[in-house]
Amino acid sequence: MSASLPSAPPKSALARPIDPSVPSNRFAVAGLLVGVLAARLSGRSWPASLGIGGAGFTAWATARELDPDHPDTANAALPLAAVIALIGGPVNPLAGAGVMSGLRVLAGTTGQAPTPADEAALGVQAGLAALTGERFSAFLPGLALLLTGRVPPQTAALTLAPALSPALRPGQGRSVPADLLSLAALGLAATILAPERISSQADHGGHRLNDDQIRLARQLAAGTLALGLLGRQSRSFVPLAAAAFSVGLRRTGFIKVP
C-alpha cells in the first residue's frame, strides 16, 4: 500500500499577497513609498513617515475589501489617508491592520473560511490595538468574525476577549482632520450602505462574492467610525474613514470608474 500524501494546509482567510502584475497593486506600493518620502521631506522622523505612508497603504487595502469591484476607489483612498495623516498626525498601524483584517474576513474576499490560525491572528491584532490604547478598533476583528456566521460564537468571543486587555499606553486620540474625514464618510453613509450587486470573484474558489457580506462589512465600518468619533479615537480610523469616504464618492459618481 502506498503511503498517502500529507494534505495541503488550509488557505488563509487573511492572506492577499501583492501582485505586481495588477496596476492597482503597483499603485499601492508606489503610493506607500511616495507617502513615506513626502513625510520625510516635510521634516517628519522615519517612524512617523512610515506611519503616514502606512496609513495610505492600509486605506488602500481596506477599500479593496469594502469595494472589491472598483480598484479606483482604493487608489483614491490611499492619498487621502496619507494627507490626513500628514496634517493630523500618523495613525496607529496596529489599529489599522486589525480593522482591515477583520473587514477582509467578513467580506470574504479571499474565498476561504477563517482557519484557527486566522482566528488567533485576529485575536493578537485586537490585543495589540487594545494594549496601545485603541479600544474601539480592537473590537472590530472579533465582531467581524462573529458576523461571518462561519465560526461558533464562543470562538468569536475568544477573539473579542483580547480587546478588553488593559492599555499599556494612551491611544492616539483624535485630530480635527481625522474627525472631519470620519464625519464626511458618515455623511455619505446612506449611499455607502445602499444595496449593490458585487460582480468580483473571490481570490480562491472562483465564486462570486456575496453582496450581503460586502454590505455587512460596510455597515460594520460605518458603525465603527461612529464609535470612534464618540470615543474620541478618530486618528486610529483614518484609513477606514478614507476607504469608506472613497466608496461613498464612487457611488455618488464623483469618482469615475470605467
Protein backbone atom coordinates (compact mmCIF):
# COMPACT_ATOMS: atom_id res chain seq x y z
CA MET A 1 0.00 0.00 0.00
CA SER A 2 1.45 3.36 -0.96
CA ALA A 3 1.80 5.99 1.71
CA SER A 4 -0.78 8.75 1.47
CA LEU A 5 0.50 12.22 0.75
CA PRO A 6 0.03 14.79 3.52
CA SER A 7 -2.91 17.10 2.88
CA ALA A 8 -2.13 20.69 2.00
CA PRO A 9 -2.65 23.19 4.81
CA PRO A 10 -5.86 25.21 4.52
CA LYS A 11 -5.52 28.56 2.78
CA SER A 12 -5.79 31.63 4.97
CA ALA A 13 -8.78 33.97 5.01
CA LEU A 14 -6.37 36.82 5.73
CA ALA A 15 -3.62 36.45 3.13
CA ARG A 16 -3.89 38.57 -0.02
CA PRO A 17 -0.36 38.96 -1.44
CA ILE A 18 0.51 41.98 -3.56
CA ASP A 19 0.61 41.01 -7.24
CA PRO A 20 2.90 43.40 -9.17
CA SER A 21 1.19 42.48 -12.43
CA VAL A 22 -2.00 44.24 -11.26
CA PRO A 23 -1.93 48.03 -11.88
CA SER A 24 -3.77 48.87 -8.67
CA ASN A 25 -1.25 46.85 -6.67
CA ARG A 26 1.63 48.70 -8.27
CA PHE A 27 -0.11 51.96 -7.42
CA ALA A 28 -0.41 50.87 -3.79
CA VAL A 29 3.30 50.11 -3.46
CA ALA A 30 4.27 53.34 -5.23
CA GLY A 31 1.85 55.29 -3.06
CA LEU A 32 3.35 53.82 0.09
CA LEU A 33 6.85 54.85 -0.98
CA VAL A 34 5.77 58.31 -2.08
CA GLY A 35 3.91 58.84 1.18
CA VAL A 36 6.95 57.90 3.25
CA LEU A 37 9.23 60.10 1.13
CA ALA A 38 6.85 63.08 1.25
CA ALA A 39 6.62 62.82 5.03
CA ARG A 40 10.41 62.67 5.36
CA LEU A 41 10.86 65.69 3.12
CA SER A 42 8.39 67.58 5.27
CA GLY A 43 10.63 67.02 8.29
CA ARG A 44 8.96 64.01 9.91
CA SER A 45 11.02 61.30 11.59
CA TRP A 46 11.43 57.92 9.94
CA PRO A 47 8.91 56.22 12.29
CA ALA A 48 6.36 58.99 11.69
CA SER A 49 6.99 58.88 7.93
CA LEU A 50 6.47 55.14 7.84
CA GLY A 51 3.23 55.62 9.78
CA ILE A 52 1.99 58.20 7.29
CA GLY A 53 2.85 56.08 4.28
CA GLY A 54 1.43 53.05 6.03
CA ALA A 55 -1.85 54.86 6.67
CA GLY A 56 -2.24 55.40 2.95
CA PHE A 57 -1.45 51.79 2.14
CA THR A 58 -3.84 50.49 4.82
CA ALA A 59 -6.60 52.73 3.44
CA TRP A 60 -5.99 51.25 0.00
CA ALA A 61 -6.16 47.70 1.36
CA THR A 62 -9.29 48.47 3.39
CA ALA A 63 -11.03 49.97 0.37
CA ARG A 64 -10.27 46.82 -1.63
CA GLU A 65 -12.32 44.90 0.95
CA LEU A 66 -15.20 47.37 1.04
CA ASP A 67 -15.38 47.93 -2.72
CA PRO A 68 -13.83 44.90 -4.46
CA ASP A 69 -15.27 45.73 -7.89
CA HIS A 70 -13.54 49.10 -8.15
CA PRO A 71 -9.77 49.47 -7.63
CA ASP A 72 -10.10 53.20 -8.39
CA THR A 73 -11.83 53.57 -5.02
CA ALA A 74 -8.75 52.18 -3.28
CA ASN A 75 -6.47 54.34 -5.41
CA ALA A 76 -8.38 57.43 -4.22
CA ALA A 77 -8.37 56.35 -0.57
CA LEU A 78 -4.58 55.99 -0.44
CA PRO A 79 -3.51 59.63 -0.96
CA LEU A 80 -6.48 60.89 1.05
CA ALA A 81 -5.45 58.91 4.14
CA ALA A 82 -1.78 59.86 3.71
CA VAL A 83 -2.62 63.58 3.52
CA ILE A 84 -4.89 63.43 6.57
CA ALA A 85 -2.18 61.57 8.50
CA LEU A 86 0.41 64.12 7.35
CA ILE A 87 -1.75 67.01 8.59
CA GLY A 88 -3.28 65.47 11.68
CA GLY A 89 -0.51 63.12 12.78
CA PRO A 90 0.38 59.49 11.98
CA VAL A 91 -2.08 56.78 12.92
CA ASN A 92 -1.56 53.62 14.94
CA PRO A 93 -0.66 50.90 12.39
CA LEU A 94 -1.75 48.15 14.77
CA ALA A 95 -5.27 49.54 14.85
CA GLY A 96 -5.47 49.98 11.08
CA ALA A 97 -4.18 46.47 10.39
CA GLY A 98 -6.68 44.88 12.76
CA VAL A 99 -9.60 46.79 11.24
CA MET A 100 -8.55 45.86 7.72
CA SER A 101 -8.09 42.19 8.64
CA GLY A 102 -11.47 41.99 10.30
CA LEU A 103 -13.23 43.51 7.30
CA ARG A 104 -11.35 41.14 4.98
CA VAL A 105 -12.63 38.10 6.85
CA LEU A 106 -16.17 39.48 6.97
CA ALA A 107 -16.23 40.44 3.29
CA GLY A 108 -14.85 37.01 2.36
CA THR A 109 -12.71 38.37 -0.46
CA THR A 110 -10.13 35.58 -0.21
CA GLY A 111 -12.84 32.94 -0.61
CA GLN A 112 -11.54 30.97 2.37
CA ALA A 113 -13.17 30.25 5.69
CA PRO A 114 -11.22 31.50 8.72
CA THR A 115 -8.74 28.93 9.97
CA PRO A 116 -7.75 28.55 13.64
CA ALA A 117 -4.55 30.40 12.77
CA ASP A 118 -6.62 33.25 11.30
CA GLU A 119 -8.75 33.41 14.42
CA ALA A 120 -5.64 33.56 16.58
CA ALA A 121 -4.15 36.27 14.36
CA LEU A 122 -7.28 38.38 14.68
CA GLY A 123 -7.15 37.98 18.45
CA VAL A 124 -3.50 39.04 18.52
CA GLN A 125 -4.22 42.09 16.37
CA ALA A 126 -7.12 43.04 18.64
CA GLY A 127 -4.96 42.62 21.73
CA LEU A 128 -2.15 44.73 20.32
CA ALA A 129 -4.57 47.51 19.42
CA ALA A 130 -6.06 47.41 22.90
CA LEU A 131 -2.64 47.43 24.59
CA THR A 132 -1.75 50.57 22.64
CA GLY A 133 -4.92 52.30 23.78
CA GLU A 134 -7.05 51.90 20.64
CA ARG A 135 -10.03 50.37 22.38
CA PHE A 136 -12.69 50.84 19.70
CA SER A 137 -10.65 49.48 16.82
CA ALA A 138 -9.71 46.50 18.99
CA PHE A 139 -13.30 45.25 19.00
CA LEU A 140 -13.72 45.15 15.23
CA PRO A 141 -11.77 41.91 14.46
CA GLY A 142 -13.83 39.87 16.89
CA LEU A 143 -17.11 41.46 15.82
CA ALA A 144 -16.26 40.79 12.18
CA LEU A 145 -15.52 37.15 12.95
CA LEU A 146 -18.82 36.83 14.81
CA LEU A 147 -20.77 38.41 11.93
CA THR A 148 -19.36 35.98 9.38
CA GLY A 149 -21.57 33.27 10.87
CA ARG A 150 -18.82 30.79 9.98
CA VAL A 151 -17.40 30.23 13.45
CA PRO A 152 -19.04 29.24 16.75
CA PRO A 153 -19.98 32.22 18.95
CA GLN A 154 -17.57 31.04 21.64
CA THR A 155 -14.70 31.22 19.15
CA ALA A 156 -15.62 34.78 18.23
CA ALA A 157 -15.84 35.58 21.94
CA LEU A 158 -12.26 34.39 22.39
CA THR A 159 -11.23 36.77 19.62
CA LEU A 160 -13.12 39.60 21.28
CA ALA A 161 -11.56 38.95 24.70
CA PRO A 162 -8.12 40.48 23.91
CA ALA A 163 -9.88 43.78 23.16
CA LEU A 164 -10.51 44.02 26.90
CA SER A 165 -6.78 43.99 27.68
CA PRO A 166 -5.64 46.95 29.79
CA ALA A 167 -3.95 49.66 27.78
CA LEU A 168 -0.22 49.98 28.39
CA ARG A 169 -0.22 53.50 26.96
CA PRO A 170 -2.83 56.02 25.84
CA GLY A 171 -4.24 55.81 22.35
CA GLN A 172 -3.55 58.48 19.77
CA GLY A 173 -6.88 60.14 20.37
CA ARG A 174 -8.38 62.45 17.83
CA SER A 175 -7.44 65.23 15.45
CA VAL A 176 -9.59 67.75 13.66
CA PRO A 177 -8.70 66.44 10.16
CA ALA A 178 -9.47 62.87 11.27
CA ASP A 179 -12.78 63.97 12.80
CA LEU A 180 -13.76 65.78 9.61
CA LEU A 181 -12.88 62.77 7.45
CA SER A 182 -14.96 60.44 9.62
CA LEU A 183 -17.86 62.90 9.57
CA ALA A 184 -17.61 63.17 5.79
CA ALA A 185 -17.70 59.38 5.46
CA LEU A 186 -20.68 59.11 7.79
CA GLY A 187 -22.41 61.88 5.84
CA LEU A 188 -22.39 59.52 2.86
CA ALA A 189 -23.50 56.52 4.94
CA ALA A 190 -26.87 56.16 3.23
CA THR A 191 -25.15 55.98 -0.15
CA ILE A 192 -22.40 53.67 1.08
CA LEU A 193 -24.82 51.23 2.70
CA ALA A 194 -27.40 51.07 -0.08
CA PRO A 195 -27.63 47.56 -1.60
CA GLU A 196 -25.28 46.94 -4.51
CA ARG A 197 -24.60 43.92 -6.69
CA ILE A 198 -20.97 42.79 -6.50
CA SER A 199 -19.51 41.12 -9.57
CA SER A 200 -15.96 40.34 -8.37
CA GLN A 201 -14.94 36.77 -7.66
CA ALA A 202 -13.15 35.55 -4.57
CA ASP A 203 -9.39 35.06 -4.80
CA HIS A 204 -9.86 31.30 -4.39
CA GLY A 205 -12.75 29.09 -5.37
CA GLY A 206 -13.97 31.05 -8.37
CA HIS A 207 -17.28 32.03 -6.79
CA ARG A 208 -18.81 35.48 -6.88
CA LEU A 209 -18.52 37.49 -3.69
CA ASN A 210 -21.62 37.68 -1.54
CA ASP A 211 -23.44 41.02 -1.85
CA ASP A 212 -24.83 40.78 1.67
CA GLN A 213 -21.41 40.12 3.21
CA ILE A 214 -19.89 43.14 1.48
CA ARG A 215 -22.79 45.27 2.64
CA LEU A 216 -22.40 43.91 6.17
CA ALA A 217 -18.71 44.85 6.09
CA ARG A 218 -19.69 48.37 5.04
CA GLN A 219 -22.23 48.54 7.85
CA LEU A 220 -19.63 47.46 10.39
CA ALA A 221 -17.21 50.04 9.00
CA ALA A 222 -19.77 52.85 9.36
CA GLY A 223 -20.73 51.81 12.87
CA THR A 224 -17.10 51.63 13.93
CA LEU A 225 -16.40 55.10 12.53
CA ALA A 226 -19.30 56.47 14.57
CA LEU A 227 -17.96 54.84 17.73
CA GLY A 228 -14.50 56.20 17.01
CA LEU A 229 -15.90 59.72 16.83
CA LEU A 230 -17.95 59.33 20.01
CA GLY A 231 -14.97 57.79 21.80
CA ARG A 232 -12.57 60.50 20.56
CA GLN A 233 -10.30 57.98 18.82
CA SER A 234 -10.73 59.14 15.23
CA ARG A 235 -7.00 59.16 14.41
CA SER A 236 -6.77 55.38 14.52
CA PHE A 237 -9.62 55.22 11.99
CA VAL A 238 -8.14 57.48 9.32
CA PRO A 239 -7.51 54.55 6.90
CA LEU A 240 -11.03 53.22 7.45
CA ALA A 241 -12.59 56.67 7.07
CA ALA A 242 -10.66 57.32 3.86
CA ALA A 243 -11.75 53.96 2.46
CA ALA A 244 -15.40 54.45 3.40
CA PHE A 245 -15.47 58.03 2.13
CA SER A 246 -13.98 56.92 -1.19
CA VAL A 247 -16.66 54.24 -1.51
CA GLY A 248 -19.26 56.96 -0.99
CA LEU A 249 -17.64 59.21 -3.59
CA ARG A 250 -17.55 56.37 -6.10
CA ARG A 251 -21.20 55.52 -5.52
CA THR A 252 -22.27 59.15 -5.94
CA GLY A 253 -20.39 59.27 -9.24
CA PHE A 254 -17.73 61.71 -8.03
CA ILE A 255 -15.05 59.07 -8.63
CA LYS A 256 -15.46 57.99 -12.23
CA VAL A 257 -14.94 54.30 -12.93
CA PRO A 258 -14.60 52.57 -16.31
